[in-house]
Structures are given as structure tokens and as C-alpha cells.
Amino acid sequence: MRANKARKRRGFTYLWIAVLAVSVFLLIYFEQTALLYILATLGVTVLLVIVATADLGRVELSTDTVGQAADAAAPPPVAKSGS
């Protein structure tokens, strides 16, 4: 079941790549660089917003995980003798 979902997603991703590549090629071919510049700027902005929100949503989880990992990796305390 998971393999089918992965294949469908992969196919959908390849379709998006092909559509965007043809779109960029056509914009360059018809010398619509101003439109291409605007679309590229908007695309980068959307990507940055997605990355920013994804990072902010995981801050609490990652700090808890780091604390637990540090506790697990720490060596056990050694008792000192009185001599």
C-alpha cells in the first residue's frame, strides 16, 4: 500500500517538474523574462515561507528530543571513594 502511494507521489512530482520546465522554456522562448522574473521571485518567497513555518512547528519537539538524547548518552555517575 505504501509503495503505491510513493509511486503515485513520484509520478505526480515528475509531472510537476515537466510542466514547470516546459513553462520556463516557453517563457524564455517568447521572451517573457519580466513575467519569468516575477514568477521566480514569488516561487522563492513561497519556498521560504514553507521552510520557515516547517522549522517553527518543530522547535518544541526537537528541544525535547535533544534533551532526552543527551540524558541517554551521558555516562552514569561514578561514586568517589573517601580515600
N, C-alpha and C. Protein backbone atom coordinates (compact mmCIF):
# COMPACT_ATOMS: atom_id res chain seq x y z
N MET A 1 0.82 -1.19 0.00
CA MET A 1 0.00 0.00 0.00
C MET A 1 0.88 1.26 0.00
N ARG A 2 1.92 1.28 0.83
CA ARG A 2 2.79 2.46 0.87
C ARG A 2 3.56 2.61 -0.43
N ALA A 3 3.95 1.49 -1.03
CA ALA A 3 4.70 1.56 -2.28
C ALA A 3 3.87 2.21 -3.38
N ASN A 4 2.57 1.91 -3.41
CA ASN A 4 1.70 2.53 -4.41
C ASN A 4 1.59 4.03 -4.19
N LYS A 5 1.48 4.46 -2.93
CA LYS A 5 1.40 5.89 -2.64
C LYS A 5 2.69 6.59 -3.05
N ALA A 6 3.82 5.94 -2.75
CA ALA A 6 5.12 6.53 -3.11
C ALA A 6 5.25 6.67 -4.62
N ARG A 7 4.80 5.66 -5.35
CA ARG A 7 4.88 5.71 -6.82
C ARG A 7 3.97 6.80 -7.37
N LYS A 8 2.78 6.94 -6.81
CA LYS A 8 1.87 7.98 -7.27
C LYS A 8 2.44 9.36 -7.00
N ARG A 9 3.02 9.53 -5.81
CA ARG A 9 3.63 10.82 -5.48
C ARG A 9 4.80 11.11 -6.39
N ARG A 10 5.60 10.09 -6.65
CA ARG A 10 6.76 10.27 -7.52
C ARG A 10 6.31 10.67 -8.93
N GLY A 11 5.28 10.00 -9.42
CA GLY A 11 4.76 10.34 -10.75
C GLY A 11 4.20 11.74 -10.79
N PHE A 12 3.49 12.13 -9.73
CA PHE A 12 2.95 13.47 -9.64
C PHE A 12 4.08 14.50 -9.58
N THR A 13 5.16 14.18 -8.88
CA THR A 13 6.31 15.08 -8.79
C THR A 13 6.96 15.24 -10.16
N TYR A 14 7.14 14.14 -10.88
CA TYR A 14 7.73 14.21 -12.22
C TYR A 14 6.84 15.02 -13.16
N LEU A 15 5.53 14.91 -13.01
CA LEU A 15 4.61 15.68 -13.83
C LEU A 15 4.79 17.18 -13.54
N TRP A 16 4.88 17.55 -12.26
CA TRP A 16 5.10 18.96 -11.90
C TRP A 16 6.42 19.47 -12.48
N ILE A 17 7.47 18.67 -12.39
CA ILE A 17 8.77 19.08 -12.92
C ILE A 17 8.68 19.31 -14.42
N ALA A 18 8.01 18.41 -15.13
CA ALA A 18 7.88 18.54 -16.58
C ALA A 18 7.07 19.79 -16.95
N VAL A 19 5.96 20.02 -16.24
CA VAL A 19 5.12 21.19 -16.54
C VAL A 19 5.89 22.48 -16.27
N LEU A 20 6.59 22.54 -15.16
CA LEU A 20 7.36 23.75 -14.85
C LEU A 20 8.50 23.97 -15.84
N ALA A 21 9.17 22.89 -16.25
CA ALA A 21 10.26 23.01 -17.21
C ALA A 21 9.75 23.52 -18.55
N VAL A 22 8.63 22.99 -19.02
CA VAL A 22 8.04 23.46 -20.28
C VAL A 22 7.60 24.91 -20.15
N SER A 23 7.02 25.26 -19.01
CA SER A 23 6.58 26.64 -18.79
C SER A 23 7.76 27.62 -18.84
N VAL A 24 8.83 27.27 -18.17
CA VAL A 24 10.01 28.13 -18.17
C VAL A 24 10.59 28.24 -19.57
N PHE A 25 10.66 27.12 -20.28
CA PHE A 25 11.18 27.14 -21.64
C PHE A 25 10.34 28.05 -22.53
N LEU A 26 9.00 27.94 -22.43
CA LEU A 26 8.12 28.77 -23.25
C LEU A 26 8.25 30.25 -22.91
N LEU A 27 8.38 30.55 -21.62
CA LEU A 27 8.55 31.96 -21.23
C LEU A 27 9.86 32.54 -21.77
N ILE A 28 10.91 31.73 -21.76
CA ILE A 28 12.19 32.20 -22.32
C ILE A 28 12.08 32.32 -23.84
N TYR A 29 11.46 31.34 -24.47
CA TYR A 29 11.33 31.34 -25.93
C TYR A 29 10.55 32.56 -26.43
N PHE A 30 9.47 32.90 -25.76
CA PHE A 30 8.66 34.04 -26.17
C PHE A 30 9.12 35.34 -25.52
N GLU A 31 10.29 35.32 -24.93
CA GLU A 31 10.95 36.50 -24.37
C GLU A 31 10.09 37.21 -23.34
N GLN A 32 9.50 36.44 -22.46
CA GLN A 32 8.69 36.99 -21.36
C GLN A 32 9.51 36.93 -20.07
N THR A 33 10.68 37.53 -20.11
CA THR A 33 11.58 37.46 -18.96
C THR A 33 11.04 38.22 -17.76
N ALA A 34 10.27 39.28 -18.00
CA ALA A 34 9.70 40.04 -16.88
C ALA A 34 8.73 39.15 -16.10
N LEU A 35 7.90 38.42 -16.81
CA LEU A 35 6.96 37.51 -16.16
C LEU A 35 7.71 36.37 -15.47
N LEU A 36 8.75 35.88 -16.11
CA LEU A 36 9.56 34.82 -15.51
C LEU A 36 10.22 35.31 -14.23
N TYR A 37 10.70 36.53 -14.23
CA TYR A 37 11.32 37.12 -13.04
C TYR A 37 10.31 37.23 -11.89
N ILE A 38 9.11 37.67 -12.19
CA ILE A 38 8.07 37.80 -11.16
C ILE A 38 7.71 36.43 -10.60
N LEU A 39 7.51 35.44 -11.48
CA LEU A 39 7.17 34.10 -11.03
C LEU A 39 8.29 33.47 -10.19
N ALA A 40 9.52 33.71 -10.59
CA ALA A 40 10.65 33.17 -9.82
C ALA A 40 10.72 33.81 -8.44
N THR A 41 10.49 35.11 -8.36
CA THR A 41 10.50 35.80 -7.08
C THR A 41 9.39 35.28 -6.17
N LEU A 42 8.20 35.11 -6.72
CA LEU A 42 7.09 34.57 -5.93
C LEU A 42 7.37 33.13 -5.49
N GLY A 43 7.98 32.35 -6.37
CA GLY A 43 8.30 30.96 -6.03
C GLY A 43 9.29 30.87 -4.88
N VAL A 44 10.32 31.70 -4.92
CA VAL A 44 11.31 31.70 -3.84
C VAL A 44 10.67 32.18 -2.54
N THR A 45 9.80 33.17 -2.62
CA THR A 45 9.11 33.66 -1.43
C THR A 45 8.25 32.57 -0.81
N VAL A 46 7.49 31.86 -1.63
CA VAL A 46 6.66 30.76 -1.12
C VAL A 46 7.52 29.69 -0.49
N LEU A 47 8.62 29.35 -1.13
CA LEU A 47 9.53 28.33 -0.58
C LEU A 47 10.08 28.75 0.78
N LEU A 48 10.47 30.00 0.92
CA LEU A 48 10.99 30.49 2.19
C LEU A 48 9.93 30.48 3.28
N VAL A 49 8.70 30.81 2.93
CA VAL A 49 7.61 30.77 3.91
C VAL A 49 7.36 29.33 4.36
N ILE A 50 7.37 28.39 3.44
CA ILE A 50 7.17 26.98 3.79
C ILE A 50 8.28 26.49 4.71
N VAL A 51 9.51 26.83 4.40
CA VAL A 51 10.63 26.40 5.24
C VAL A 51 10.54 27.04 6.62
N ALA A 52 10.18 28.30 6.67
CA ALA A 52 10.09 28.99 7.97
C ALA A 52 9.00 28.39 8.84
N THR A 53 7.85 28.12 8.28
CA THR A 53 6.77 27.56 9.08
C THR A 53 7.06 26.12 9.48
N ALA A 54 7.73 25.36 8.64
CA ALA A 54 8.07 23.98 8.98
C ALA A 54 9.06 23.96 10.15
N ASP A 55 10.02 24.87 10.17
CA ASP A 55 11.01 24.93 11.23
C ASP A 55 10.36 25.36 12.54
N LEU A 56 9.49 26.34 12.51
CA LEU A 56 8.85 26.84 13.72
C LEU A 56 7.93 25.80 14.35
N GLY A 57 7.35 24.94 13.56
CA GLY A 57 6.45 23.92 14.07
C GLY A 57 7.18 22.80 14.79
N ARG A 58 8.46 22.65 14.61
CA ARG A 58 9.22 21.53 15.18
C ARG A 58 10.14 21.95 16.33
N VAL A 59 10.16 23.21 16.71
CA VAL A 59 11.10 23.68 17.73
C VAL A 59 10.87 22.96 19.06
N GLU A 60 9.64 22.85 19.49
CA GLU A 60 9.34 22.22 20.77
C GLU A 60 9.73 20.75 20.77
N LEU A 61 9.41 20.06 19.70
CA LEU A 61 9.72 18.65 19.59
C LEU A 61 11.22 18.41 19.56
N SER A 62 11.96 19.21 18.81
CA SER A 62 13.39 18.99 18.67
C SER A 62 14.13 19.28 19.97
N THR A 63 13.71 20.26 20.77
CA THR A 63 14.40 20.55 22.02
C THR A 63 14.16 19.43 23.03
N ASP A 64 12.96 18.85 23.05
CA ASP A 64 12.69 17.72 23.94
C ASP A 64 13.52 16.51 23.53
N THR A 65 13.61 16.26 22.25
CA THR A 65 14.37 15.11 21.75
C THR A 65 15.85 15.26 22.05
N VAL A 66 16.38 16.47 21.89
CA VAL A 66 17.80 16.70 22.17
C VAL A 66 18.09 16.47 23.65
N GLY A 67 17.23 16.94 24.52
CA GLY A 67 17.42 16.75 25.95
C GLY A 67 17.40 15.29 26.34
N GLN A 68 16.49 14.52 25.76
CA GLN A 68 16.41 13.09 26.05
C GLN A 68 17.63 12.36 25.51
N ALA A 69 18.09 12.76 24.33
CA ALA A 69 19.27 12.12 23.74
C ALA A 69 20.51 12.41 24.58
N ALA A 70 20.62 13.63 25.10
CA ALA A 70 21.78 13.98 25.93
C ALA A 70 21.76 13.18 27.22
N ASP A 71 20.57 13.00 27.82
CA ASP A 71 20.47 12.21 29.04
C ASP A 71 20.85 10.76 28.79
N ALA A 72 20.44 10.22 27.68
CA ALA A 72 20.72 8.81 27.36
C ALA A 72 22.19 8.59 27.04
N ALA A 73 22.85 9.60 26.45
CA ALA A 73 24.24 9.46 26.04
C ALA A 73 25.22 9.74 27.17
N ALA A 74 24.77 10.39 28.23
CA ALA A 74 25.65 10.74 29.34
C ALA A 74 26.07 9.48 30.10
N PRO A 75 27.34 9.41 30.48
CA PRO A 75 27.79 8.24 31.25
C PRO A 75 27.19 8.27 32.65
N PRO A 76 27.00 7.11 33.24
CA PRO A 76 26.44 7.08 34.58
C PRO A 76 27.40 7.73 35.59
N PRO A 77 26.87 8.34 36.63
CA PRO A 77 27.73 8.99 37.62
C PRO A 77 28.61 7.95 38.33
N VAL A 78 29.84 8.35 38.62
CA VAL A 78 30.78 7.45 39.29
C VAL A 78 30.88 7.88 40.75
N ALA A 79 30.74 6.92 41.65
CA ALA A 79 30.86 7.23 43.08
C ALA A 79 32.32 7.38 43.44
N LYS A 80 32.66 8.47 44.14
CA LYS A 80 34.04 8.71 44.56
C LYS A 80 34.26 8.10 45.93
N SER A 81 35.39 7.48 46.08
CA SER A 81 35.70 6.89 47.39
C SER A 81 36.35 7.95 48.27
N GLY A 82 36.29 7.77 49.56
CA GLY A 82 36.78 8.77 50.52
C GLY A 82 38.26 8.69 50.78
N SER A 83 39.05 7.94 50.04
CA SER A 83 40.48 7.82 50.34
C SER A 83 41.32 8.83 49.71
